[in-house]
N, C-alpha and C. Protein backbone atom coordinates (compact mmCIF):
# COMPACT_ATOMS: atom_id res chain seq x y z
N MET A 1 -14.73 4.55 -20.40
CA MET A 1 -13.35 4.91 -20.08
C MET A 1 -12.51 4.67 -21.34
N THR A 2 -11.70 5.67 -21.69
CA THR A 2 -10.84 5.53 -22.86
C THR A 2 -9.67 4.62 -22.53
N GLN A 3 -8.97 4.15 -23.56
CA GLN A 3 -7.80 3.29 -23.36
C GLN A 3 -6.73 4.05 -22.56
N GLU A 4 -6.61 5.33 -22.81
CA GLU A 4 -5.63 6.16 -22.07
C GLU A 4 -6.01 6.26 -20.60
N ASP A 5 -7.30 6.46 -20.31
CA ASP A 5 -7.76 6.52 -18.92
C ASP A 5 -7.50 5.20 -18.22
N LYS A 6 -7.74 4.08 -18.93
CA LYS A 6 -7.53 2.76 -18.34
C LYS A 6 -6.07 2.56 -17.99
N LYS A 7 -5.16 2.97 -18.86
CA LYS A 7 -3.73 2.84 -18.57
C LYS A 7 -3.36 3.67 -17.36
N ALA A 8 -3.92 4.88 -17.23
CA ALA A 8 -3.64 5.74 -16.10
C ALA A 8 -4.19 5.15 -14.81
N ALA A 9 -5.23 4.30 -14.91
CA ALA A 9 -5.86 3.71 -13.73
C ALA A 9 -5.20 2.40 -13.32
N GLU A 10 -4.18 1.95 -14.08
CA GLU A 10 -3.47 0.72 -13.76
C GLU A 10 -1.98 0.99 -13.59
N LEU A 11 -1.41 0.35 -12.59
CA LEU A 11 0.02 0.45 -12.35
C LEU A 11 0.61 -0.96 -12.50
N LEU A 12 1.40 -1.16 -13.54
CA LEU A 12 2.04 -2.45 -13.78
C LEU A 12 3.48 -2.36 -13.29
N HIS A 13 3.80 -3.17 -12.29
CA HIS A 13 5.14 -3.17 -11.70
C HIS A 13 6.07 -4.08 -12.49
N PRO A 14 7.38 -3.84 -12.39
CA PRO A 14 8.35 -4.66 -13.14
C PRO A 14 8.25 -6.16 -12.85
N ASP A 15 7.83 -6.54 -11.64
CA ASP A 15 7.73 -7.96 -11.29
C ASP A 15 6.39 -8.58 -11.70
N GLY A 16 5.55 -7.81 -12.39
CA GLY A 16 4.26 -8.34 -12.86
C GLY A 16 3.08 -8.00 -11.98
N ARG A 17 3.31 -7.44 -10.78
CA ARG A 17 2.19 -7.02 -9.95
C ARG A 17 1.43 -5.91 -10.65
N ARG A 18 0.13 -5.89 -10.44
CA ARG A 18 -0.70 -4.85 -11.05
C ARG A 18 -1.67 -4.31 -10.00
N ILE A 19 -1.74 -2.99 -9.95
CA ILE A 19 -2.73 -2.33 -9.10
C ILE A 19 -3.65 -1.56 -10.04
N THR A 20 -4.94 -1.83 -9.91
CA THR A 20 -5.94 -1.14 -10.73
C THR A 20 -6.81 -0.30 -9.81
N PHE A 21 -6.90 0.98 -10.09
CA PHE A 21 -7.77 1.87 -9.33
C PHE A 21 -9.18 1.70 -9.86
N LEU A 22 -10.06 1.15 -9.03
CA LEU A 22 -11.42 0.84 -9.45
C LEU A 22 -12.39 1.99 -9.24
N GLU A 23 -12.30 2.61 -8.06
CA GLU A 23 -13.28 3.64 -7.73
C GLU A 23 -12.74 4.49 -6.59
N GLU A 24 -13.05 5.77 -6.66
CA GLU A 24 -12.65 6.71 -5.62
C GLU A 24 -13.79 7.68 -5.46
N GLY A 25 -14.22 7.92 -4.24
CA GLY A 25 -15.33 8.84 -4.08
C GLY A 25 -15.81 8.96 -2.66
N MET A 26 -17.10 9.29 -2.57
CA MET A 26 -17.74 9.55 -1.29
C MET A 26 -19.11 8.88 -1.33
N ASP A 27 -19.47 8.22 -0.25
CA ASP A 27 -20.82 7.68 -0.10
C ASP A 27 -21.31 8.00 1.30
N GLN A 28 -22.41 7.38 1.71
CA GLN A 28 -22.98 7.70 3.03
C GLN A 28 -22.03 7.39 4.17
N ALA A 29 -21.06 6.49 3.95
CA ALA A 29 -20.09 6.14 4.99
C ALA A 29 -18.83 7.00 4.94
N GLY A 30 -18.72 7.88 3.93
CA GLY A 30 -17.56 8.76 3.82
C GLY A 30 -16.71 8.49 2.60
N ALA A 31 -15.50 9.04 2.62
CA ALA A 31 -14.58 8.93 1.48
C ALA A 31 -13.96 7.54 1.44
N TYR A 32 -13.69 7.06 0.22
CA TYR A 32 -13.12 5.74 0.05
C TYR A 32 -12.29 5.66 -1.23
N LEU A 33 -11.46 4.64 -1.28
CA LEU A 33 -10.68 4.28 -2.47
C LEU A 33 -10.78 2.77 -2.59
N ARG A 34 -11.11 2.28 -3.79
CA ARG A 34 -11.14 0.84 -4.05
C ARG A 34 -10.14 0.52 -5.15
N VAL A 35 -9.28 -0.43 -4.86
CA VAL A 35 -8.28 -0.88 -5.83
C VAL A 35 -8.33 -2.40 -5.92
N GLU A 36 -7.75 -2.91 -6.99
CA GLU A 36 -7.58 -4.35 -7.12
C GLU A 36 -6.10 -4.62 -7.26
N HIS A 37 -5.63 -5.59 -6.49
CA HIS A 37 -4.24 -6.02 -6.57
C HIS A 37 -4.22 -7.37 -7.30
N LEU A 38 -3.38 -7.48 -8.29
CA LEU A 38 -3.12 -8.75 -8.97
C LEU A 38 -1.66 -9.06 -8.71
N VAL A 39 -1.41 -10.13 -7.97
CA VAL A 39 -0.05 -10.45 -7.51
C VAL A 39 0.31 -11.85 -8.02
N PRO A 40 1.26 -11.94 -8.97
CA PRO A 40 1.57 -13.24 -9.57
C PRO A 40 2.52 -14.12 -8.76
N LYS A 41 3.22 -13.55 -7.79
CA LYS A 41 4.23 -14.33 -7.06
C LYS A 41 3.93 -14.35 -5.57
N GLN A 42 4.32 -15.44 -4.93
CA GLN A 42 4.15 -15.55 -3.49
C GLN A 42 5.11 -14.62 -2.77
N GLY A 43 4.72 -14.23 -1.56
CA GLY A 43 5.61 -13.44 -0.72
C GLY A 43 4.90 -12.34 0.03
N ALA A 44 5.66 -11.68 0.89
CA ALA A 44 5.13 -10.57 1.69
C ALA A 44 4.73 -9.43 0.76
N MET A 45 3.59 -8.82 1.07
CA MET A 45 3.12 -7.68 0.28
C MET A 45 3.43 -6.36 0.98
N ASN A 46 3.84 -6.43 2.24
CA ASN A 46 4.20 -5.23 3.00
C ASN A 46 4.86 -5.67 4.31
N GLY A 47 5.32 -4.69 5.06
CA GLY A 47 5.84 -4.96 6.39
C GLY A 47 4.77 -4.65 7.43
N PRO A 48 4.98 -5.07 8.67
CA PRO A 48 3.98 -4.80 9.71
C PRO A 48 3.84 -3.29 9.97
N HIS A 49 2.58 -2.85 10.01
CA HIS A 49 2.29 -1.42 10.19
C HIS A 49 0.88 -1.27 10.72
N TRP A 50 0.51 -0.03 11.05
CA TRP A 50 -0.85 0.27 11.51
C TRP A 50 -1.21 1.70 11.17
N HIS A 51 -2.51 1.95 11.08
CA HIS A 51 -3.03 3.28 10.74
C HIS A 51 -3.96 3.76 11.86
N PRO A 52 -3.78 4.97 12.36
CA PRO A 52 -4.66 5.44 13.43
C PRO A 52 -6.10 5.73 12.97
N TYR A 53 -6.31 6.02 11.69
CA TYR A 53 -7.65 6.43 11.25
C TYR A 53 -8.25 5.60 10.13
N LEU A 54 -7.46 4.81 9.44
CA LEU A 54 -7.94 4.09 8.26
C LEU A 54 -8.50 2.72 8.60
N THR A 55 -9.55 2.35 7.87
CA THR A 55 -10.08 0.99 7.89
C THR A 55 -9.84 0.40 6.51
N GLU A 56 -9.27 -0.80 6.47
CA GLU A 56 -9.00 -1.46 5.20
C GLU A 56 -9.77 -2.77 5.14
N THR A 57 -10.45 -2.99 4.02
CA THR A 57 -11.19 -4.23 3.81
C THR A 57 -10.63 -4.92 2.58
N PHE A 58 -10.28 -6.18 2.73
CA PHE A 58 -9.71 -6.98 1.65
C PHE A 58 -10.70 -8.10 1.32
N SER A 59 -11.03 -8.24 0.05
CA SER A 59 -11.90 -9.31 -0.42
C SER A 59 -11.12 -10.12 -1.46
N VAL A 60 -10.81 -11.36 -1.10
CA VAL A 60 -10.03 -12.21 -2.00
C VAL A 60 -10.95 -12.71 -3.12
N GLN A 61 -10.54 -12.44 -4.35
CA GLN A 61 -11.30 -12.87 -5.52
C GLN A 61 -10.76 -14.17 -6.09
N GLU A 62 -9.44 -14.33 -6.00
CA GLU A 62 -8.76 -15.50 -6.57
C GLU A 62 -7.48 -15.71 -5.78
N GLY A 63 -7.20 -16.95 -5.43
CA GLY A 63 -5.97 -17.26 -4.72
C GLY A 63 -6.17 -17.35 -3.22
N LYS A 64 -5.05 -17.18 -2.50
CA LYS A 64 -5.05 -17.33 -1.05
C LYS A 64 -4.13 -16.28 -0.44
N MET A 65 -4.59 -15.67 0.65
CA MET A 65 -3.85 -14.59 1.28
C MET A 65 -3.73 -14.87 2.78
N ARG A 66 -2.55 -14.63 3.31
CA ARG A 66 -2.30 -14.78 4.75
C ARG A 66 -2.27 -13.40 5.38
N PHE A 67 -2.99 -13.25 6.47
CA PHE A 67 -3.01 -12.00 7.21
C PHE A 67 -2.52 -12.26 8.63
N LEU A 68 -1.79 -11.30 9.17
CA LEU A 68 -1.44 -11.29 10.57
C LEU A 68 -1.97 -9.96 11.10
N VAL A 69 -3.01 -10.02 11.92
CA VAL A 69 -3.66 -8.81 12.44
C VAL A 69 -3.63 -8.89 13.96
N ASP A 70 -2.94 -7.94 14.58
CA ASP A 70 -2.76 -7.93 16.04
C ASP A 70 -2.30 -9.29 16.56
N GLY A 71 -1.37 -9.91 15.84
CA GLY A 71 -0.78 -11.16 16.27
C GLY A 71 -1.60 -12.40 15.96
N LYS A 72 -2.77 -12.24 15.38
CA LYS A 72 -3.62 -13.39 15.05
C LYS A 72 -3.57 -13.65 13.55
N GLU A 73 -3.29 -14.91 13.21
CA GLU A 73 -3.19 -15.28 11.81
C GLU A 73 -4.56 -15.68 11.26
N ARG A 74 -4.78 -15.28 10.00
CA ARG A 74 -5.99 -15.70 9.30
C ARG A 74 -5.63 -15.92 7.83
N ILE A 75 -6.11 -17.01 7.29
CA ILE A 75 -5.93 -17.32 5.87
C ILE A 75 -7.27 -17.06 5.19
N CYS A 76 -7.25 -16.27 4.12
CA CYS A 76 -8.46 -15.98 3.36
C CYS A 76 -8.30 -16.54 1.95
N THR A 77 -9.35 -17.19 1.48
CA THR A 77 -9.37 -17.73 0.12
C THR A 77 -10.48 -17.03 -0.66
N ALA A 78 -10.60 -17.36 -1.94
CA ALA A 78 -11.57 -16.72 -2.82
C ALA A 78 -12.95 -16.69 -2.16
N GLY A 79 -13.56 -15.51 -2.17
CA GLY A 79 -14.89 -15.32 -1.59
C GLY A 79 -14.88 -14.83 -0.15
N GLU A 80 -13.70 -14.79 0.49
CA GLU A 80 -13.62 -14.36 1.89
C GLU A 80 -13.14 -12.92 1.99
N THR A 81 -13.58 -12.26 3.06
CA THR A 81 -13.27 -10.86 3.30
C THR A 81 -12.74 -10.71 4.72
N ILE A 82 -11.81 -9.78 4.87
CA ILE A 82 -11.29 -9.43 6.20
C ILE A 82 -11.20 -7.91 6.27
N THR A 83 -11.54 -7.37 7.44
CA THR A 83 -11.46 -5.93 7.66
C THR A 83 -10.44 -5.65 8.76
N VAL A 84 -9.54 -4.72 8.48
CA VAL A 84 -8.53 -4.30 9.45
C VAL A 84 -8.95 -2.91 9.94
N LEU A 85 -9.15 -2.81 11.24
CA LEU A 85 -9.64 -1.57 11.85
C LEU A 85 -8.49 -0.64 12.23
N PRO A 86 -8.80 0.63 12.48
CA PRO A 86 -7.75 1.56 12.93
C PRO A 86 -7.02 0.99 14.16
N ASN A 87 -5.73 1.26 14.20
CA ASN A 87 -4.82 0.88 15.29
C ASN A 87 -4.49 -0.61 15.34
N GLN A 88 -4.98 -1.43 14.42
CA GLN A 88 -4.61 -2.84 14.40
C GLN A 88 -3.32 -3.00 13.58
N VAL A 89 -2.33 -3.63 14.20
CA VAL A 89 -1.08 -3.91 13.49
C VAL A 89 -1.38 -5.04 12.50
N HIS A 90 -0.98 -4.82 11.24
CA HIS A 90 -1.29 -5.82 10.23
C HIS A 90 -0.17 -5.95 9.20
N GLN A 91 -0.15 -7.13 8.61
CA GLN A 91 0.77 -7.46 7.53
C GLN A 91 0.10 -8.56 6.74
N PHE A 92 0.41 -8.65 5.44
CA PHE A 92 -0.22 -9.69 4.64
C PHE A 92 0.70 -10.19 3.55
N TRP A 93 0.40 -11.43 3.10
CA TRP A 93 1.23 -12.16 2.15
C TRP A 93 0.34 -12.81 1.09
N ASN A 94 0.89 -12.96 -0.10
CA ASN A 94 0.28 -13.81 -1.12
C ASN A 94 0.84 -15.21 -0.89
N ILE A 95 -0.05 -16.17 -0.59
CA ILE A 95 0.39 -17.55 -0.41
C ILE A 95 -0.29 -18.46 -1.44
N SER A 96 -0.72 -17.88 -2.54
CA SER A 96 -1.40 -18.62 -3.60
C SER A 96 -0.44 -19.50 -4.36
N GLU A 97 -0.96 -20.62 -4.86
CA GLU A 97 -0.18 -21.47 -5.75
C GLU A 97 0.04 -20.75 -7.07
N ASP A 98 -0.98 -20.03 -7.53
CA ASP A 98 -0.88 -19.25 -8.75
C ASP A 98 -0.92 -17.78 -8.38
N GLN A 99 -1.74 -17.01 -9.04
CA GLN A 99 -1.80 -15.58 -8.74
C GLN A 99 -2.87 -15.27 -7.69
N LEU A 100 -2.71 -14.12 -7.07
CA LEU A 100 -3.67 -13.60 -6.11
C LEU A 100 -4.38 -12.41 -6.76
N ARG A 101 -5.68 -12.36 -6.63
CA ARG A 101 -6.46 -11.19 -7.05
C ARG A 101 -7.33 -10.81 -5.87
N VAL A 102 -7.14 -9.59 -5.38
CA VAL A 102 -7.86 -9.15 -4.18
C VAL A 102 -8.33 -7.72 -4.37
N SER A 103 -9.57 -7.44 -3.98
CA SER A 103 -10.03 -6.05 -3.97
C SER A 103 -9.74 -5.49 -2.58
N HIS A 104 -9.42 -4.22 -2.54
CA HIS A 104 -8.91 -3.56 -1.33
C HIS A 104 -9.60 -2.21 -1.24
N GLU A 105 -10.33 -2.02 -0.15
CA GLU A 105 -11.03 -0.75 0.07
C GLU A 105 -10.39 -0.05 1.26
N ILE A 106 -10.10 1.24 1.10
CA ILE A 106 -9.48 2.03 2.15
C ILE A 106 -10.44 3.17 2.49
N ARG A 107 -10.80 3.31 3.78
CA ARG A 107 -11.72 4.35 4.25
C ARG A 107 -11.16 5.04 5.47
N PRO A 108 -10.99 6.33 5.51
CA PRO A 108 -10.87 7.21 4.35
C PRO A 108 -9.58 6.87 3.61
N PRO A 109 -9.47 7.27 2.35
CA PRO A 109 -8.32 6.84 1.56
C PRO A 109 -7.00 7.46 1.95
N GLY A 110 -7.05 8.57 2.68
CA GLY A 110 -5.79 9.22 3.04
C GLY A 110 -4.95 9.46 1.80
N GLN A 111 -3.68 9.13 1.89
CA GLN A 111 -2.76 9.33 0.77
C GLN A 111 -2.39 8.02 0.09
N HIS A 112 -3.25 6.99 0.23
CA HIS A 112 -2.90 5.68 -0.31
C HIS A 112 -2.71 5.68 -1.83
N ARG A 113 -3.53 6.41 -2.55
CA ARG A 113 -3.34 6.43 -4.00
C ARG A 113 -1.95 6.99 -4.34
N ARG A 114 -1.59 8.07 -3.69
CA ARG A 114 -0.27 8.68 -3.90
C ARG A 114 0.84 7.69 -3.55
N MET A 115 0.66 6.94 -2.47
CA MET A 115 1.66 5.96 -2.06
C MET A 115 1.81 4.87 -3.12
N PHE A 116 0.68 4.31 -3.59
CA PHE A 116 0.75 3.29 -4.63
C PHE A 116 1.47 3.82 -5.87
N GLU A 117 1.17 5.05 -6.26
CA GLU A 117 1.79 5.64 -7.45
C GLU A 117 3.28 5.90 -7.26
N MET A 118 3.67 6.37 -6.06
CA MET A 118 5.10 6.62 -5.80
C MET A 118 5.90 5.32 -5.78
N VAL A 119 5.36 4.30 -5.12
CA VAL A 119 6.06 3.01 -5.07
C VAL A 119 6.25 2.49 -6.50
N HIS A 120 5.21 2.61 -7.31
CA HIS A 120 5.29 2.17 -8.70
C HIS A 120 6.39 2.92 -9.45
N GLN A 121 6.41 4.25 -9.34
CA GLN A 121 7.43 5.05 -10.03
C GLN A 121 8.84 4.67 -9.57
N LEU A 122 9.02 4.51 -8.27
CA LEU A 122 10.34 4.17 -7.75
C LEU A 122 10.78 2.78 -8.19
N GLU A 123 9.86 1.82 -8.17
CA GLU A 123 10.22 0.47 -8.63
C GLU A 123 10.56 0.46 -10.11
N CYS A 124 9.77 1.15 -10.91
CA CYS A 124 10.03 1.19 -12.36
C CYS A 124 11.37 1.87 -12.67
N ALA A 125 11.78 2.81 -11.81
CA ALA A 125 13.04 3.51 -12.01
C ALA A 125 14.22 2.76 -11.38
N GLY A 126 13.95 1.60 -10.75
CA GLY A 126 15.02 0.82 -10.13
C GLY A 126 15.56 1.44 -8.85
N LYS A 127 14.73 2.22 -8.16
CA LYS A 127 15.19 2.94 -6.97
C LYS A 127 14.74 2.30 -5.66
N MET A 128 14.29 1.03 -5.75
CA MET A 128 13.86 0.31 -4.54
C MET A 128 14.70 -0.96 -4.41
N THR A 129 14.90 -1.40 -3.18
CA THR A 129 15.57 -2.68 -2.96
C THR A 129 14.59 -3.80 -3.26
N LYS A 130 15.08 -5.03 -3.28
CA LYS A 130 14.20 -6.18 -3.51
C LYS A 130 13.19 -6.34 -2.39
N LYS A 131 13.47 -5.76 -1.22
CA LYS A 131 12.54 -5.83 -0.09
C LYS A 131 11.54 -4.67 -0.11
N GLY A 132 11.60 -3.83 -1.15
CA GLY A 132 10.63 -2.73 -1.28
C GLY A 132 10.97 -1.50 -0.47
N ILE A 133 12.23 -1.30 -0.17
CA ILE A 133 12.66 -0.13 0.60
C ILE A 133 13.41 0.80 -0.34
N PRO A 134 13.07 2.10 -0.33
CA PRO A 134 13.79 3.04 -1.21
C PRO A 134 15.28 3.07 -0.89
N ARG A 135 16.09 3.09 -1.93
CA ARG A 135 17.55 3.15 -1.76
C ARG A 135 17.97 4.52 -1.20
N ASN A 136 17.23 5.55 -1.51
CA ASN A 136 17.51 6.90 -1.05
C ASN A 136 16.65 7.17 0.19
N PRO A 137 17.27 7.51 1.33
CA PRO A 137 16.48 7.72 2.55
C PRO A 137 15.47 8.86 2.45
N LEU A 138 15.70 9.82 1.55
CA LEU A 138 14.72 10.89 1.40
C LEU A 138 13.40 10.35 0.86
N TRP A 139 13.46 9.39 -0.06
CA TRP A 139 12.24 8.76 -0.56
C TRP A 139 11.56 7.97 0.56
N LEU A 140 12.34 7.40 1.46
CA LEU A 140 11.77 6.68 2.59
C LEU A 140 10.89 7.62 3.42
N GLY A 141 11.37 8.83 3.64
CA GLY A 141 10.58 9.82 4.38
C GLY A 141 9.29 10.17 3.67
N VAL A 142 9.37 10.38 2.35
CA VAL A 142 8.17 10.72 1.57
C VAL A 142 7.16 9.58 1.62
N LEU A 143 7.64 8.34 1.45
CA LEU A 143 6.73 7.19 1.49
C LEU A 143 6.15 6.98 2.88
N TRP A 144 6.95 7.16 3.93
CA TRP A 144 6.43 7.01 5.28
C TRP A 144 5.26 7.97 5.50
N LYS A 145 5.41 9.19 5.04
CA LYS A 145 4.35 10.19 5.21
C LYS A 145 3.06 9.74 4.51
N SER A 146 3.18 9.04 3.39
CA SER A 146 1.99 8.67 2.63
C SER A 146 1.32 7.39 3.12
N ILE A 147 1.89 6.67 4.09
CA ILE A 147 1.21 5.47 4.57
C ILE A 147 0.11 5.82 5.57
N ASP A 148 0.05 7.06 5.97
CA ASP A 148 -0.99 7.48 6.92
C ASP A 148 -0.98 6.61 8.18
N GLY A 149 0.20 6.28 8.63
CA GLY A 149 0.29 5.43 9.81
C GLY A 149 1.71 5.28 10.29
N TYR A 150 1.97 4.14 10.90
CA TYR A 150 3.25 3.90 11.54
C TYR A 150 3.72 2.48 11.23
N ILE A 151 5.04 2.33 11.12
CA ILE A 151 5.60 1.00 10.94
C ILE A 151 5.92 0.41 12.31
N VAL A 152 5.96 -0.90 12.38
CA VAL A 152 6.29 -1.57 13.64
C VAL A 152 7.81 -1.57 13.77
N GLY A 153 8.27 -1.28 14.94
CA GLY A 153 9.72 -1.26 15.19
C GLY A 153 10.09 0.02 15.91
N PRO A 154 10.39 1.08 15.13
CA PRO A 154 10.75 2.33 15.80
C PRO A 154 9.58 2.85 16.64
N PRO A 155 9.86 3.40 17.81
CA PRO A 155 8.77 3.92 18.64
C PRO A 155 7.92 4.95 17.88
N ARG A 156 6.62 4.96 18.19
CA ARG A 156 5.70 5.88 17.51
C ARG A 156 6.17 7.33 17.63
N TRP A 157 6.61 7.74 18.80
CA TRP A 157 7.00 9.13 19.01
C TRP A 157 8.22 9.52 18.17
N LEU A 158 9.07 8.52 17.85
CA LEU A 158 10.29 8.79 17.09
C LEU A 158 10.03 8.91 15.58
N GLN A 159 9.03 8.21 15.08
CA GLN A 159 8.79 8.17 13.64
C GLN A 159 8.50 9.55 13.03
N PRO A 160 7.62 10.36 13.64
CA PRO A 160 7.43 11.70 13.05
C PRO A 160 8.69 12.56 13.09
N ILE A 161 9.51 12.35 14.10
CA ILE A 161 10.75 13.13 14.19
C ILE A 161 11.72 12.68 13.10
N PHE A 162 11.99 11.38 13.03
CA PHE A 162 12.99 10.87 12.09
C PHE A 162 12.47 10.87 10.65
N PHE A 163 11.40 10.09 10.41
CA PHE A 163 10.87 9.98 9.04
C PHE A 163 10.25 11.30 8.58
N GLY A 164 9.61 12.01 9.53
CA GLY A 164 9.03 13.31 9.20
C GLY A 164 10.10 14.31 8.79
N SER A 165 11.25 14.27 9.46
CA SER A 165 12.36 15.15 9.08
C SER A 165 12.88 14.80 7.69
N LEU A 166 13.00 13.50 7.42
CA LEU A 166 13.41 13.08 6.07
C LEU A 166 12.41 13.59 5.03
N ALA A 167 11.12 13.49 5.35
CA ALA A 167 10.07 13.94 4.42
C ALA A 167 10.17 15.44 4.18
N ARG A 168 10.42 16.21 5.24
CA ARG A 168 10.53 17.67 5.08
C ARG A 168 11.75 18.05 4.22
N ILE A 169 12.87 17.38 4.46
CA ILE A 169 14.07 17.62 3.64
C ILE A 169 13.79 17.23 2.19
N ALA A 170 13.15 16.07 2.01
CA ALA A 170 12.83 15.62 0.65
C ALA A 170 11.92 16.61 -0.06
N THR A 171 10.92 17.12 0.64
CA THR A 171 10.01 18.10 0.05
C THR A 171 10.77 19.36 -0.34
N PHE A 172 11.68 19.79 0.52
CA PHE A 172 12.49 20.98 0.22
C PHE A 172 13.25 20.81 -1.09
N PHE A 173 13.76 19.59 -1.32
CA PHE A 173 14.52 19.32 -2.54
C PHE A 173 13.66 18.85 -3.71
N GLY A 174 12.34 18.88 -3.54
CA GLY A 174 11.43 18.57 -4.65
C GLY A 174 11.06 17.11 -4.80
N TYR A 175 11.43 16.26 -3.86
CA TYR A 175 11.02 14.86 -3.94
C TYR A 175 9.51 14.80 -3.73
N GLY A 176 8.88 13.93 -4.49
CA GLY A 176 7.43 13.79 -4.38
C GLY A 176 6.67 14.74 -5.28
N THR A 177 7.36 15.75 -5.81
CA THR A 177 6.71 16.67 -6.74
C THR A 177 7.22 16.46 -8.16
N ARG A 178 8.36 15.81 -8.26
CA ARG A 178 8.90 15.44 -9.58
C ARG A 178 9.70 14.17 -9.41
N ARG A 179 9.94 13.50 -10.49
CA ARG A 179 10.71 12.24 -10.42
C ARG A 179 12.16 12.51 -10.14
N ARG A 180 12.74 11.62 -9.34
CA ARG A 180 14.17 11.71 -9.01
C ARG A 180 14.86 10.47 -9.48
């Protein structure tokens, strides 16, 4: 891999978080995406959400991670793995004293790579709040579409109507196809 390819395979966020795309492909179990998250600070890594079709497996390499999966808490330390199945509501946090390094496999990958890249672009451009929410609601629609799932809170039936409408308007105005 050239130095240029390596840079393209890593997303360095303004707060020091790094996502490295390790592997993307197909095997006997189907399509997958493997990434590594390097998280230097404690805190929530996402909000509660669920995916109807995706399975996510997290393997902690360094540090400590807190998971809440279907209301059950689990703490994983270096060497431990947890799998989140379709339809399980999940959220996770870095609770390490130092940095967290975790490998993350998504099967099938859906639009997760696109989501990681969009969040990175928006954060680098200063277009996200400190809580990781786009300041522009049209970007919220585009990002919602790329999570391949649903957030906890608004009813499931309402999310495609509300966030889906935002995504369609955003697409009409070119969001997601060029930087805003």
